[in-house]
PDB file of N, CA and C in Angstrom:
ATOM      1  N   MET A   1       9.375   1.742 -14.190  1.00  0.00           N
ATOM      2  CA  MET A   1      10.199   1.621 -13.016  1.00  0.00           C
ATOM      3  C   MET A   1      10.589   0.161 -12.832  1.00  0.00           C
ATOM      4  N   ASN A   2      11.797  -0.047 -12.331  1.00  0.00           N
ATOM      5  CA  ASN A   2      12.212  -1.415 -12.078  1.00  0.00           C
ATOM      6  C   ASN A   2      11.667  -1.894 -10.732  1.00  0.00           C
ATOM      7  N   THR A   3      11.855  -3.170 -10.438  1.00  0.00           N
ATOM      8  CA  THR A   3      11.292  -3.769  -9.226  1.00  0.00           C
ATOM      9  C   THR A   3      11.832  -3.125  -7.958  1.00  0.00           C
ATOM     10  N   LYS A   4      13.136  -2.850  -7.927  1.00  0.00           N
ATOM     11  CA  LYS A   4      13.740  -2.239  -6.742  1.00  0.00           C
ATOM     12  C   LYS A   4      13.158  -0.847  -6.502  1.00  0.00           C
ATOM     13  N   THR A   5      13.037  -0.064  -7.559  1.00  0.00           N
ATOM     14  CA  THR A   5      12.476   1.282  -7.449  1.00  0.00           C
ATOM     15  C   THR A   5      11.016   1.215  -7.016  1.00  0.00           C
ATOM     16  N   THR A   6      10.263   0.288  -7.581  1.00  0.00           N
ATOM     17  CA  THR A   6       8.855   0.144  -7.230  1.00  0.00           C
ATOM     18  C   THR A   6       8.695  -0.237  -5.760  1.00  0.00           C
ATOM     19  N   SER A   7       9.520  -1.155  -5.282  1.00  0.00           N
ATOM     20  CA  SER A   7       9.458  -1.563  -3.872  1.00  0.00           C
ATOM     21  C   SER A   7       9.774  -0.395  -2.950  1.00  0.00           C
ATOM     22  N   LYS A   8      10.806   0.367  -3.305  1.00  0.00           N
ATOM     23  CA  LYS A   8      11.186   1.526  -2.495  1.00  0.00           C
ATOM     24  C   LYS A   8      10.056   2.549  -2.495  1.00  0.00           C
ATOM     25  N   ASN A   9       9.453   2.755  -3.652  1.00  0.00           N
ATOM     26  CA  ASN A   9       8.357   3.711  -3.777  1.00  0.00           C
ATOM     27  C   ASN A   9       7.171   3.300  -2.902  1.00  0.00           C
ATOM     28  N   LEU A  10       6.827   2.024  -2.906  1.00  0.00           N
ATOM     29  CA  LEU A  10       5.709   1.546  -2.086  1.00  0.00           C
ATOM     30  C   LEU A  10       6.002   1.704  -0.600  1.00  0.00           C
ATOM     31  N   LEU A  11       7.222   1.391  -0.189  1.00  0.00           N
ATOM     32  CA  LEU A  11       7.596   1.537   1.211  1.00  0.00           C
ATOM     33  C   LEU A  11       7.495   2.999   1.646  1.00  0.00           C
ATOM     34  N   LEU A  12       8.057   3.887   0.841  1.00  0.00           N
ATOM     35  CA  LEU A  12       7.988   5.312   1.164  1.00  0.00           C
ATOM     36  C   LEU A  12       6.546   5.812   1.180  1.00  0.00           C
ATOM     37  N   LYS A  13       5.757   5.324   0.235  1.00  0.00           N
ATOM     38  CA  LYS A  13       4.363   5.762   0.126  1.00  0.00           C
ATOM     39  C   LYS A  13       3.584   5.477   1.408  1.00  0.00           C
ATOM     40  N   TYR A  14       3.813   4.322   1.995  1.00  0.00           N
ATOM     41  CA  TYR A  14       3.056   3.949   3.188  1.00  0.00           C
ATOM     42  C   TYR A  14       3.654   4.482   4.480  1.00  0.00           C
ATOM     43  N   LEU A  15       4.987   4.540   4.571  1.00  0.00           N
ATOM     44  CA  LEU A  15       5.612   5.017   5.800  1.00  0.00           C
ATOM     45  C   LEU A  15       5.662   6.539   5.873  1.00  0.00           C
ATOM     46  N   PHE A  16       5.934   7.157   4.734  1.00  0.00           N
ATOM     47  CA  PHE A  16       6.078   8.612   4.661  1.00  0.00           C
ATOM     48  C   PHE A  16       5.366   9.089   3.397  1.00  0.00           C
ATOM     49  N   PRO A  17       4.057   9.280   3.453  1.00  0.00           N
ATOM     50  CA  PRO A  17       3.282   9.573   2.240  1.00  0.00           C
ATOM     51  C   PRO A  17       3.797  10.749   1.409  1.00  0.00           C
ATOM     52  N   LYS A  18       4.185  11.841   2.042  1.00  0.00           N
ATOM     53  CA  LYS A  18       4.648  13.003   1.272  1.00  0.00           C
ATOM     54  C   LYS A  18       5.980  12.715   0.589  1.00  0.00           C
ATOM     55  N   ILE A  19       6.882  12.055   1.301  1.00  0.00           N
ATOM     56  CA  ILE A  19       8.172  11.698   0.702  1.00  0.00           C
ATOM     57  C   ILE A  19       7.956  10.685  -0.415  1.00  0.00           C
ATOM     58  N   GLY A  20       7.061   9.730  -0.191  1.00  0.00           N
ATOM     59  CA  GLY A  20       6.757   8.738  -1.218  1.00  0.00           C
ATOM     60  C   GLY A  20       6.210   9.373  -2.481  1.00  0.00           C
ATOM     61  N   GLU A  21       5.330  10.346  -2.326  1.00  0.00           N
ATOM     62  CA  GLU A  21       4.765  11.037  -3.491  1.00  0.00           C
ATOM     63  C   GLU A  21       5.844  11.823  -4.228  1.00  0.00           C
ATOM     64  N   ALA A  22       6.679  12.528  -3.482  1.00  0.00           N
ATOM     65  CA  ALA A  22       7.757  13.302  -4.101  1.00  0.00           C
ATOM     66  C   ALA A  22       8.723  12.381  -4.840  1.00  0.00           C
ATOM     67  N   TYR A  23       9.063  11.259  -4.238  1.00  0.00           N
ATOM     68  CA  TYR A  23       9.977  10.303  -4.867  1.00  0.00           C
ATOM     69  C   TYR A  23       9.369   9.734  -6.149  1.00  0.00           C
ATOM     70  N   ARG A  24       8.083   9.380  -6.097  1.00  0.00           N
ATOM     71  CA  ARG A  24       7.404   8.833  -7.280  1.00  0.00           C
ATOM     72  C   ARG A  24       7.409   9.844  -8.419  1.00  0.00           C
ATOM     73  N   LEU A  25       7.090  11.099  -8.113  1.00  0.00           N
ATOM     74  CA  LEU A  25       7.074  12.135  -9.145  1.00  0.00           C
ATOM     75  C   LEU A  25       8.474  12.380  -9.696  1.00  0.00           C
ATOM     76  N   LYS A  26       9.478  12.323  -8.823  1.00  0.00           N
ATOM     77  CA  LYS A  26      10.863  12.504  -9.265  1.00  0.00           C
ATOM     78  C   LYS A  26      11.273  11.385 -10.215  1.00  0.00           C
ATOM     79  N   GLU A  27      10.923  10.153  -9.882  1.00  0.00           N
ATOM     80  CA  GLU A  27      11.278   9.015 -10.730  1.00  0.00           C
ATOM     81  C   GLU A  27      10.554   9.082 -12.076  1.00  0.00           C
ATOM     82  N   LEU A  28       9.293   9.453 -12.067  1.00  0.00           N
ATOM     83  CA  LEU A  28       8.553   9.608 -13.324  1.00  0.00           C
ATOM     84  C   LEU A  28       9.178  10.698 -14.188  1.00  0.00           C
ATOM     85  N   PHE A  29       9.564  11.803 -13.561  1.00  0.00           N
ATOM     86  CA  PHE A  29      10.186  12.911 -14.287  1.00  0.00           C
ATOM     87  C   PHE A  29      11.523  12.468 -14.881  1.00  0.00           C
ATOM     88  N   LYS A  30      12.298  11.718 -14.113  1.00  0.00           N
ATOM     89  CA  LYS A  30      13.596  11.218 -14.584  1.00  0.00           C
ATOM     90  C   LYS A  30      13.419  10.317 -15.802  1.00  0.00           C
ATOM     91  N   GLN A  31      12.398   9.472 -15.797  1.00  0.00           N
ATOM     92  CA  GLN A  31      12.143   8.572 -16.921  1.00  0.00           C
ATOM     93  C   GLN A  31      11.885   9.338 -18.214  1.00  0.00           C
ATOM     94  N   ILE A  32      11.266  10.491 -18.115  1.00  0.00           N
ATOM     95  CA  ILE A  32      10.992  11.305 -19.299  1.00  0.00           C
ATOM     96  C   ILE A  32      12.298  11.664 -19.997  1.00  0.00           C
ATOM     97  N   PHE A  33      13.297  12.046 -19.223  1.00  0.00           N
ATOM     98  CA  PHE A  33      14.558  12.482 -19.811  1.00  0.00           C
ATOM     99  C   PHE A  33      15.489  11.332 -20.151  1.00  0.00           C
ATOM    100  N   ASP A  34      15.166  10.137 -19.673  1.00  0.00           N
ATOM    101  CA  ASP A  34      15.918   8.949 -20.070  1.00  0.00           C
ATOM    102  C   ASP A  34      15.418   8.416 -21.409  1.00  0.00           C
ATOM    103  N   ASN A  35      14.265   8.879 -21.853  1.00  0.00           N
ATOM    104  CA  ASN A  35      13.663   8.431 -23.101  1.00  0.00           C
ATOM    105  C   ASN A  35      14.371   9.091 -24.284  1.00  0.00           C
ATOM    106  N   ALA A  36      14.771   8.291 -25.253  1.00  0.00           N
ATOM    107  CA  ALA A  36      15.493   8.816 -26.411  1.00  0.00           C
ATOM    108  C   ALA A  36      14.562   9.452 -27.448  1.00  0.00           C
ATOM    109  N   ASP A  37      13.300   9.117 -27.425  1.00  0.00           N
ATOM    110  CA  ASP A  37      12.334   9.617 -28.402  1.00  0.00           C
ATOM    111  C   ASP A  37      11.796  10.976 -27.947  1.00  0.00           C
ATOM    112  N   GLN A  38      12.191  12.034 -28.657  1.00  0.00           N
ATOM    113  CA  GLN A  38      11.834  13.391 -28.245  1.00  0.00           C
ATOM    114  C   GLN A  38      10.323  13.623 -28.262  1.00  0.00           C
ATOM    115  N   LEU A  39       9.643  13.160 -29.286  1.00  0.00           N
ATOM    116  CA  LEU A  39       8.191  13.362 -29.373  1.00  0.00           C
ATOM    117  C   LEU A  39       7.472  12.656 -28.221  1.00  0.00           C
ATOM    118  N   GLU A  40       7.892  11.437 -27.936  1.00  0.00           N
ATOM    119  CA  GLU A  40       7.293  10.697 -26.823  1.00  0.00           C
ATOM    120  C   GLU A  40       7.603  11.387 -25.494  1.00  0.00           C
ATOM    121  N   SER A  41       8.803  11.945 -25.370  1.00  0.00           N
ATOM    122  CA  SER A  41       9.184  12.649 -24.143  1.00  0.00           C
ATOM    123  C   SER A  41       8.290  13.860 -23.901  1.00  0.00           C
ATOM    124  N   ILE A  42       7.955  14.570 -24.955  1.00  0.00           N
ATOM    125  CA  ILE A  42       7.079  15.738 -24.820  1.00  0.00           C
ATOM    126  C   ILE A  42       5.701  15.301 -24.330  1.00  0.00           C
ATOM    127  N   GLN A  43       5.189  14.217 -24.898  1.00  0.00           N
ATOM    128  CA  GLN A  43       3.887  13.699 -24.453  1.00  0.00           C
ATOM    129  C   GLN A  43       3.959  13.243 -22.996  1.00  0.00           C
ATOM    130  N   ASP A  44       5.060  12.573 -22.643  1.00  0.00           N
ATOM    131  CA  ASP A  44       5.244  12.116 -21.260  1.00  0.00           C
ATOM    132  C   ASP A  44       5.336  13.298 -20.296  1.00  0.00           C
ATOM    133  N   LEU A  45       6.019  14.354 -20.713  1.00  0.00           N
ATOM    134  CA  LEU A  45       6.141  15.535 -19.861  1.00  0.00           C
ATOM    135  C   LEU A  45       4.771  16.172 -19.621  1.00  0.00           C
ATOM    136  N   LYS A  46       3.967  16.256 -20.659  1.00  0.00           N
ATOM    137  CA  LYS A  46       2.618  16.807 -20.507  1.00  0.00           C
ATOM    138  C   LYS A  46       1.794  15.959 -19.540  1.00  0.00           C
ATOM    139  N   GLU A  47       1.925  14.643 -19.647  1.00  0.00           N
ATOM    140  CA  GLU A  47       1.206  13.747 -18.737  1.00  0.00           C
ATOM    141  C   GLU A  47       1.721  13.906 -17.306  1.00  0.00           C
ATOM    142  N   TRP A  48       3.047  14.024 -17.146  1.00  0.00           N
ATOM    143  CA  TRP A  48       3.631  14.223 -15.821  1.00  0.00           C
ATOM    144  C   TRP A  48       3.115  15.522 -15.207  1.00  0.00           C
ATOM    145  N   MET A  49       3.007  16.556 -16.011  1.00  0.00           N
ATOM    146  CA  MET A  49       2.531  17.846 -15.507  1.00  0.00           C
ATOM    147  C   MET A  49       1.083  17.737 -15.015  1.00  0.00           C
ATOM    148  N   LYS A  50       0.267  16.932 -15.687  1.00  0.00           N
ATOM    149  CA  LYS A  50      -1.111  16.711 -15.228  1.00  0.00           C
ATOM    150  C   LYS A  50      -1.113  15.997 -13.880  1.00  0.00           C
ATOM    151  N   ILE A  51      -0.259  14.983 -13.756  1.00  0.00           N
ATOM    152  CA  ILE A  51      -0.164  14.239 -12.498  1.00  0.00           C
ATOM    153  C   ILE A  51       0.344  15.155 -11.389  1.00  0.00           C
ATOM    154  N   ALA A  52       1.396  15.918 -11.681  1.00  0.00           N
ATOM    155  CA  ALA A  52       1.993  16.813 -10.687  1.00  0.00           C
ATOM    156  C   ALA A  52       1.010  17.894 -10.245  1.00  0.00           C
ATOM    157  N   ALA A  53       0.130  18.298 -11.138  1.00  0.00           N
ATOM    158  CA  ALA A  53      -0.845  19.343 -10.804  1.00  0.00           C
ATOM    159  C   ALA A  53      -1.800  18.895  -9.696  1.00  0.00           C
ATOM    160  N   THR A  54      -1.958  17.594  -9.522  1.00  0.00           N
ATOM    161  CA  THR A  54      -2.839  17.089  -8.466  1.00  0.00           C
ATOM    162  C   THR A  54      -2.113  16.943  -7.130  1.00  0.00           C
ATOM    163  N   SER A  55      -0.805  17.133  -7.141  1.00  0.00           N
ATOM    164  CA  SER A  55      -0.016  17.006  -5.914  1.00  0.00           C
ATOM    165  C   SER A  55      -0.278  18.189  -4.993  1.00  0.00           C
ATOM    166  N   LYS A  56      -0.263  17.918  -3.706  1.00  0.00           N
ATOM    167  CA  LYS A  56      -0.436  18.984  -2.720  1.00  0.00           C
ATOM    168  C   LYS A  56       0.904  19.418  -2.129  1.00  0.00           C
ATOM    169  N   LEU A  57       1.995  18.898  -2.700  1.00  0.00           N
ATOM    170  CA  LEU A  57       3.324  19.265  -2.218  1.00  0.00           C
ATOM    171  C   LEU A  57       3.724  20.618  -2.795  1.00  0.00           C
ATOM    172  N   VAL A  58       4.059  21.546  -1.928  1.00  0.00           N
ATOM    173  CA  VAL A  58       4.371  22.921  -2.337  1.00  0.00           C
ATOM    174  C   VAL A  58       5.551  22.954  -3.304  1.00  0.00           C
ATOM    175  N   THR A  59       6.603  22.203  -3.016  1.00  0.00           N
ATOM    176  CA  THR A  59       7.780  22.241  -3.892  1.00  0.00           C
ATOM    177  C   THR A  59       7.473  21.691  -5.283  1.00  0.00           C
ATOM    178  N   ILE A  60       6.622  20.685  -5.360  1.00  0.00           N
ATOM    179  CA  ILE A  60       6.219  20.150  -6.667  1.00  0.00           C
ATOM    180  C   ILE A  60       5.414  21.206  -7.418  1.00  0.00           C
ATOM    181  N   GLN A  61       4.510  21.883  -6.737  1.00  0.00           N
ATOM    182  CA  GLN A  61       3.717  22.940  -7.368  1.00  0.00           C
ATOM    183  C   GLN A  61       4.603  24.085  -7.855  1.00  0.00           C
ATOM    184  N   GLN A  62       5.601  24.456  -7.063  1.00  0.00           N
ATOM    185  CA  GLN A  62       6.526  25.517  -7.468  1.00  0.00           C
ATOM    186  C   GLN A  62       7.313  25.100  -8.707  1.00  0.00           C
ATOM    187  N   PHE A  63       7.786  23.858  -8.721  1.00  0.00           N
ATOM    188  CA  PHE A  63       8.521  23.357  -9.882  1.00  0.00           C
ATOM    189  C   PHE A  63       7.621  23.322 -11.113  1.00  0.00           C
ATOM    190  N   LEU A  64       6.396  22.875 -10.933  1.00  0.00           N
ATOM    191  CA  LEU A  64       5.434  22.838 -12.034  1.00  0.00           C
ATOM    192  C   LEU A  64       5.183  24.240 -12.578  1.00  0.00           C
ATOM    193  N   ASN A  65       5.030  25.219 -11.701  1.00  0.00           N
ATOM    194  CA  ASN A  65       4.845  26.608 -12.133  1.00  0.00           C
ATOM    195  C   ASN A  65       6.051  27.101 -12.925  1.00  0.00           C
ATOM    196  N   THR A  66       7.241  26.715 -12.499  1.00  0.00           N
ATOM    197  CA  THR A  66       8.457  27.090 -13.228  1.00  0.00           C
ATOM    198  C   THR A  66       8.444  26.491 -14.627  1.00  0.00           C
ATOM    199  N   LEU A  67       8.100  25.214 -14.736  1.00  0.00           N
ATOM    200  CA  LEU A  67       8.034  24.563 -16.049  1.00  0.00           C
ATOM    201  C   LEU A  67       7.004  25.239 -16.947  1.00  0.00           C
ATOM    202  N   GLN A  68       5.850  25.553 -16.391  1.00  0.00           N
ATOM    203  CA  GLN A  68       4.778  26.150 -17.183  1.00  0.00           C
ATOM    204  C   GLN A  68       5.113  27.563 -17.644  1.00  0.00           C
ATOM    205  N   SER A  69       5.989  28.243 -16.922  1.00  0.00           N
ATOM    206  CA  SER A  69       6.326  29.616 -17.303  1.00  0.00           C
ATOM    207  C   SER A  69       7.395  29.673 -18.396  1.00  0.00           C
ATOM    208  N   HIS A  70       7.941  28.533 -18.771  1.00  0.00           N
ATOM    209  CA  HIS A  70       8.979  28.512 -19.821  1.00  0.00           C
ATOM    210  C   HIS A  70       8.470  27.935 -21.106  1.00  0.00           C
TER     211      HIS A  70
END
């Protein structure tokens, strides 16, 4: 993440914890698809799924379930 994104993420994390968590997970997920290396992207996606599995956000869990079912 770049400095601007990191600053925004920290602000959201402290002011609005649920929004901050959702934003962080969204940015991490976006980085996976910005990666040109397919093998590395698969590893990153697996790692993201582990991180997302610890989230208590219902929409993140629903999205994770959708990914796992495909």
